[in-house]
Amino acid sequence: MSIATEPETLGELIADCALIPSSLVTETPAVPPQAARPWTVDDTCQAQVAEYDAYI
């Protein structure tokens, strides 16, 4: 891989990222995941599968 080309493999990407100067890398705290909204079935969802005998 050349510095002038895009990495083509995960290994090349990791090697490419290792070349980033530490002065350009900032450490930010990880954002905690948000709680998922409860899943509900509305009339539109029900209508999509109304003719099926089983949900697959």
C-alpha atoms as a PDB file:
ATOM      1  CA  MET A   1       0.000   0.000   0.000  1.00  0.00           C
ATOM      2  CA  SER A   2       1.199   3.470  -0.850  1.00  0.00           C
ATOM      3  CA  ILE A   3       0.364   6.515   1.277  1.00  0.00           C
ATOM      4  CA  ALA A   4      -1.148   8.038  -1.873  1.00  0.00           C
ATOM      5  CA  THR A   5      -3.710   5.222  -2.325  1.00  0.00           C
ATOM      6  CA  GLU A   6      -6.716   4.086  -0.367  1.00  0.00           C
ATOM      7  CA  PRO A   7      -6.290   0.982   1.804  1.00  0.00           C
ATOM      8  CA  GLU A   8      -7.821  -2.128   0.247  1.00  0.00           C
ATOM      9  CA  THR A   9      -7.764  -4.464   3.246  1.00  0.00           C
ATOM     10  CA  LEU A  10      -8.485  -4.155   6.942  1.00  0.00           C
ATOM     11  CA  GLY A  11      -4.798  -4.685   7.666  1.00  0.00           C
ATOM     12  CA  GLU A  12      -3.854  -1.824   5.358  1.00  0.00           C
ATOM     13  CA  LEU A  13      -6.468   0.405   7.004  1.00  0.00           C
ATOM     14  CA  ILE A  14      -5.097  -0.351  10.467  1.00  0.00           C
ATOM     15  CA  ALA A  15      -1.546   0.309   9.288  1.00  0.00           C
ATOM     16  CA  ASP A  16      -2.703   3.536   7.652  1.00  0.00           C
ATOM     17  CA  CYS A  17      -4.397   4.695  10.854  1.00  0.00           C
ATOM     18  CA  ALA A  18      -1.221   3.954  12.806  1.00  0.00           C
ATOM     19  CA  LEU A  19       0.474   6.684  10.758  1.00  0.00           C
ATOM     20  CA  ILE A  20      -1.851   9.406  12.133  1.00  0.00           C
ATOM     21  CA  PRO A  21       0.191  11.712  14.393  1.00  0.00           C
ATOM     22  CA  SER A  22      -0.885  11.588  18.034  1.00  0.00           C
ATOM     23  CA  SER A  23      -1.296  15.381  17.995  1.00  0.00           C
ATOM     24  CA  LEU A  24      -4.257  14.905  15.638  1.00  0.00           C
ATOM     25  CA  VAL A  25      -5.930  12.203  17.704  1.00  0.00           C
ATOM     26  CA  THR A  26      -8.306  13.391  20.407  1.00  0.00           C
ATOM     27  CA  GLU A  27      -9.577  11.260  23.213  1.00  0.00           C
ATOM     28  CA  THR A  28     -13.289  11.716  23.704  1.00  0.00           C
ATOM     29  CA  PRO A  29     -15.366   9.748  26.155  1.00  0.00           C
ATOM     30  CA  ALA A  30     -17.573   7.086  24.653  1.00  0.00           C
ATOM     31  CA  VAL A  31     -21.213   8.028  24.363  1.00  0.00           C
ATOM     32  CA  PRO A  32     -23.349   5.625  26.386  1.00  0.00           C
ATOM     33  CA  PRO A  33     -25.954   3.793  24.318  1.00  0.00           C
ATOM     34  CA  GLN A  34     -29.505   5.057  24.521  1.00  0.00           C
ATOM     35  CA  ALA A  35     -32.269   2.764  25.658  1.00  0.00           C
ATOM     36  CA  ALA A  36     -34.200   1.295  22.772  1.00  0.00           C
ATOM     37  CA  ARG A  37     -37.781   2.374  22.354  1.00  0.00           C
ATOM     38  CA  PRO A  38     -40.305  -0.373  23.053  1.00  0.00           C
ATOM     39  CA  TRP A  39     -41.313  -2.210  19.897  1.00  0.00           C
ATOM     40  CA  THR A  40     -44.985  -2.102  19.024  1.00  0.00           C
ATOM     41  CA  VAL A  41     -47.133  -3.452  16.216  1.00  0.00           C
ATOM     42  CA  ASP A  42     -49.519  -0.966  14.658  1.00  0.00           C
ATOM     43  CA  ASP A  43     -52.263  -1.537  12.100  1.00  0.00           C
ATOM     44  CA  THR A  44     -49.845  -0.924   9.207  1.00  0.00           C
ATOM     45  CA  CYS A  45     -47.452  -3.625  10.441  1.00  0.00           C
ATOM     46  CA  GLN A  46     -50.320  -6.016  11.046  1.00  0.00           C
ATOM     47  CA  ALA A  47     -51.713  -5.432   7.539  1.00  0.00           C
ATOM     48  CA  GLN A  48     -48.375  -6.386   5.961  1.00  0.00           C
ATOM     49  CA  VAL A  49     -48.584  -9.919   7.360  1.00  0.00           C
ATOM     50  CA  ALA A  50     -52.332 -10.395   7.701  1.00  0.00           C
ATOM     51  CA  GLU A  51     -52.459 -13.035   4.946  1.00  0.00           C
ATOM     52  CA  TYR A  52     -49.553 -15.124   6.265  1.00  0.00           C
ATOM     53  CA  ASP A  53     -50.205 -18.152   8.461  1.00  0.00           C
ATOM     54  CA  ALA A  54     -46.972 -17.644  10.393  1.00  0.00           C
ATOM     55  CA  TYR A  55     -44.482 -14.848  10.891  1.00  0.00           C
ATOM     56  CA  ILE A  56     -41.135 -15.798   9.408  1.00  0.00           C
END
